[in-house]
N, C-alpha and C. Protein backbone atom coordinates (compact mmCIF):
# COMPACT_ATOMS: atom_id res chain seq x y z
N MET A 1 119.37 80.36 62.02
CA MET A 1 119.49 80.90 63.38
C MET A 1 120.51 81.96 63.41
N PRO A 2 120.15 83.03 64.20
CA PRO A 2 121.16 84.10 64.37
C PRO A 2 122.36 83.65 65.12
N LYS A 3 123.50 84.23 64.81
CA LYS A 3 124.83 83.74 65.29
C LYS A 3 124.85 84.00 66.77
N TRP A 4 124.33 85.10 67.31
CA TRP A 4 124.57 85.34 68.66
C TRP A 4 123.58 84.29 69.57
N LEU A 5 122.62 83.75 68.83
CA LEU A 5 121.75 82.78 69.73
C LEU A 5 122.47 81.40 69.55
N SER A 6 123.08 81.12 68.37
CA SER A 6 123.84 79.94 68.36
C SER A 6 125.08 79.90 69.24
N ASN A 7 125.66 81.06 69.51
CA ASN A 7 126.91 81.08 70.52
C ASN A 7 126.37 80.84 71.86
N GLN A 8 125.27 81.47 72.22
CA GLN A 8 124.65 81.34 73.56
C GLN A 8 124.29 79.92 73.82
N ILE A 9 123.76 79.39 72.82
CA ILE A 9 123.19 77.83 73.05
C ILE A 9 124.46 76.99 73.19
N MET A 10 125.54 77.24 72.38
CA MET A 10 126.75 76.49 72.55
C MET A 10 127.36 76.59 73.91
N ARG A 11 127.31 77.88 74.40
CA ARG A 11 127.88 78.18 75.77
C ARG A 11 127.07 77.47 76.76
N ALA A 12 125.79 77.56 76.73
CA ALA A 12 124.98 76.97 77.65
C ALA A 12 124.93 75.42 77.81
N PHE A 13 125.20 74.75 76.61
CA PHE A 13 125.48 73.28 76.54
C PHE A 13 126.80 72.89 77.05
N HIS A 14 127.88 73.84 76.89
CA HIS A 14 129.09 73.61 77.35
C HIS A 14 129.12 73.59 79.04
N LYS A 15 128.40 74.59 79.51
CA LYS A 15 128.28 74.78 80.98
C LYS A 15 127.17 73.77 81.53
N ARG A 16 126.45 73.08 80.73
CA ARG A 16 125.51 72.21 81.22
C ARG A 16 124.37 72.97 81.87
N ASP A 17 124.07 74.08 81.45
CA ASP A 17 123.11 74.94 82.23
C ASP A 17 121.72 74.81 81.64
N ARG A 18 120.90 73.79 82.25
CA ARG A 18 119.68 73.33 81.82
C ARG A 18 118.62 74.41 81.69
N ARG A 19 118.64 75.32 82.67
CA ARG A 19 117.68 76.51 82.63
C ARG A 19 117.88 77.45 81.42
N GLN A 20 119.25 77.75 81.24
CA GLN A 20 119.55 78.58 80.15
C GLN A 20 119.36 77.81 78.71
N ILE A 21 119.46 76.57 78.55
CA ILE A 21 119.22 75.76 77.50
C ILE A 21 117.76 75.87 77.09
N ARG A 22 116.89 75.69 78.22
CA ARG A 22 115.43 75.70 77.91
C ARG A 22 115.01 77.10 77.51
N LEU A 23 115.64 78.05 78.17
CA LEU A 23 115.25 79.52 77.77
C LEU A 23 115.60 79.73 76.29
N LEU A 24 116.82 79.47 76.00
CA LEU A 24 117.21 79.75 74.56
C LEU A 24 116.48 78.85 73.51
N ASN A 25 116.07 77.70 74.00
CA ASN A 25 115.30 76.83 73.12
C ASN A 25 113.90 77.53 72.81
N ASP A 26 113.39 78.03 73.94
CA ASP A 26 112.04 78.82 73.63
C ASP A 26 112.26 79.93 72.85
N CYS A 27 113.37 80.69 73.11
CA CYS A 27 113.56 81.93 72.15
C CYS A 27 113.79 81.54 70.76
N TRP A 28 114.45 80.31 70.45
CA TRP A 28 114.62 79.96 69.14
C TRP A 28 113.30 79.56 68.45
N PHE A 29 112.41 78.80 69.13
CA PHE A 29 111.11 78.47 68.62
C PHE A 29 110.22 79.61 68.34
N PHE A 30 110.38 80.62 69.32
CA PHE A 30 109.53 81.92 69.10
C PHE A 30 110.07 82.61 67.80
N TYR A 31 111.35 82.74 67.61
CA TYR A 31 111.96 83.34 66.48
C TYR A 31 111.63 82.66 65.18
N TYR A 32 111.76 81.30 65.37
CA TYR A 32 111.46 80.39 64.16
C TYR A 32 109.99 80.50 63.65
N ASN A 33 109.13 80.39 64.69
CA ASN A 33 107.73 80.47 64.31
C ASN A 33 107.38 81.86 63.74
N ARG A 34 107.80 82.95 64.42
CA ARG A 34 107.57 84.27 63.95
C ARG A 34 108.02 84.51 62.47
N GLN A 35 109.29 84.03 62.23
CA GLN A 35 109.76 84.20 60.81
C GLN A 35 108.92 83.41 59.71
N HIS A 36 108.48 82.27 60.08
CA HIS A 36 107.69 81.55 59.17
C HIS A 36 106.15 81.88 59.02
N LEU A 37 105.69 82.62 60.18
CA LEU A 37 104.38 83.25 60.08
C LEU A 37 104.45 84.40 59.14
N SER A 38 105.47 85.19 59.29
CA SER A 38 105.57 86.39 58.48
C SER A 38 105.82 86.02 56.95
N ASP A 39 106.51 84.95 56.74
CA ASP A 39 106.67 84.43 55.40
C ASP A 39 105.37 83.99 54.78
N ASP A 40 104.48 83.22 55.66
CA ASP A 40 103.20 82.74 55.24
C ASP A 40 102.28 83.80 54.84
N TYR A 41 102.26 85.05 55.48
CA TYR A 41 101.32 85.97 55.35
C TYR A 41 101.91 87.19 54.40
N SER A 42 103.17 86.96 54.04
CA SER A 42 103.70 88.29 53.47
C SER A 42 102.98 88.33 51.89
N HIS A 43 102.57 87.31 51.27
CA HIS A 43 101.77 87.42 49.93
C HIS A 43 100.45 88.03 50.06
N LEU A 44 99.90 88.24 51.32
CA LEU A 44 98.59 88.89 51.51
C LEU A 44 98.67 90.37 51.47
N GLN A 45 99.94 90.78 51.62
CA GLN A 45 99.88 92.31 51.76
C GLN A 45 100.12 93.04 50.42
């Protein structure tokens, strides 16, 4: 997980900002899935 995202998630949890937590969680899953998809298909190129 990128450090900037980790810091923002920690800040959102500290402030108990549910909207921000959900948004950052979605960002993390998008980033995570994109990284793994690129790893899965990297051998095809």
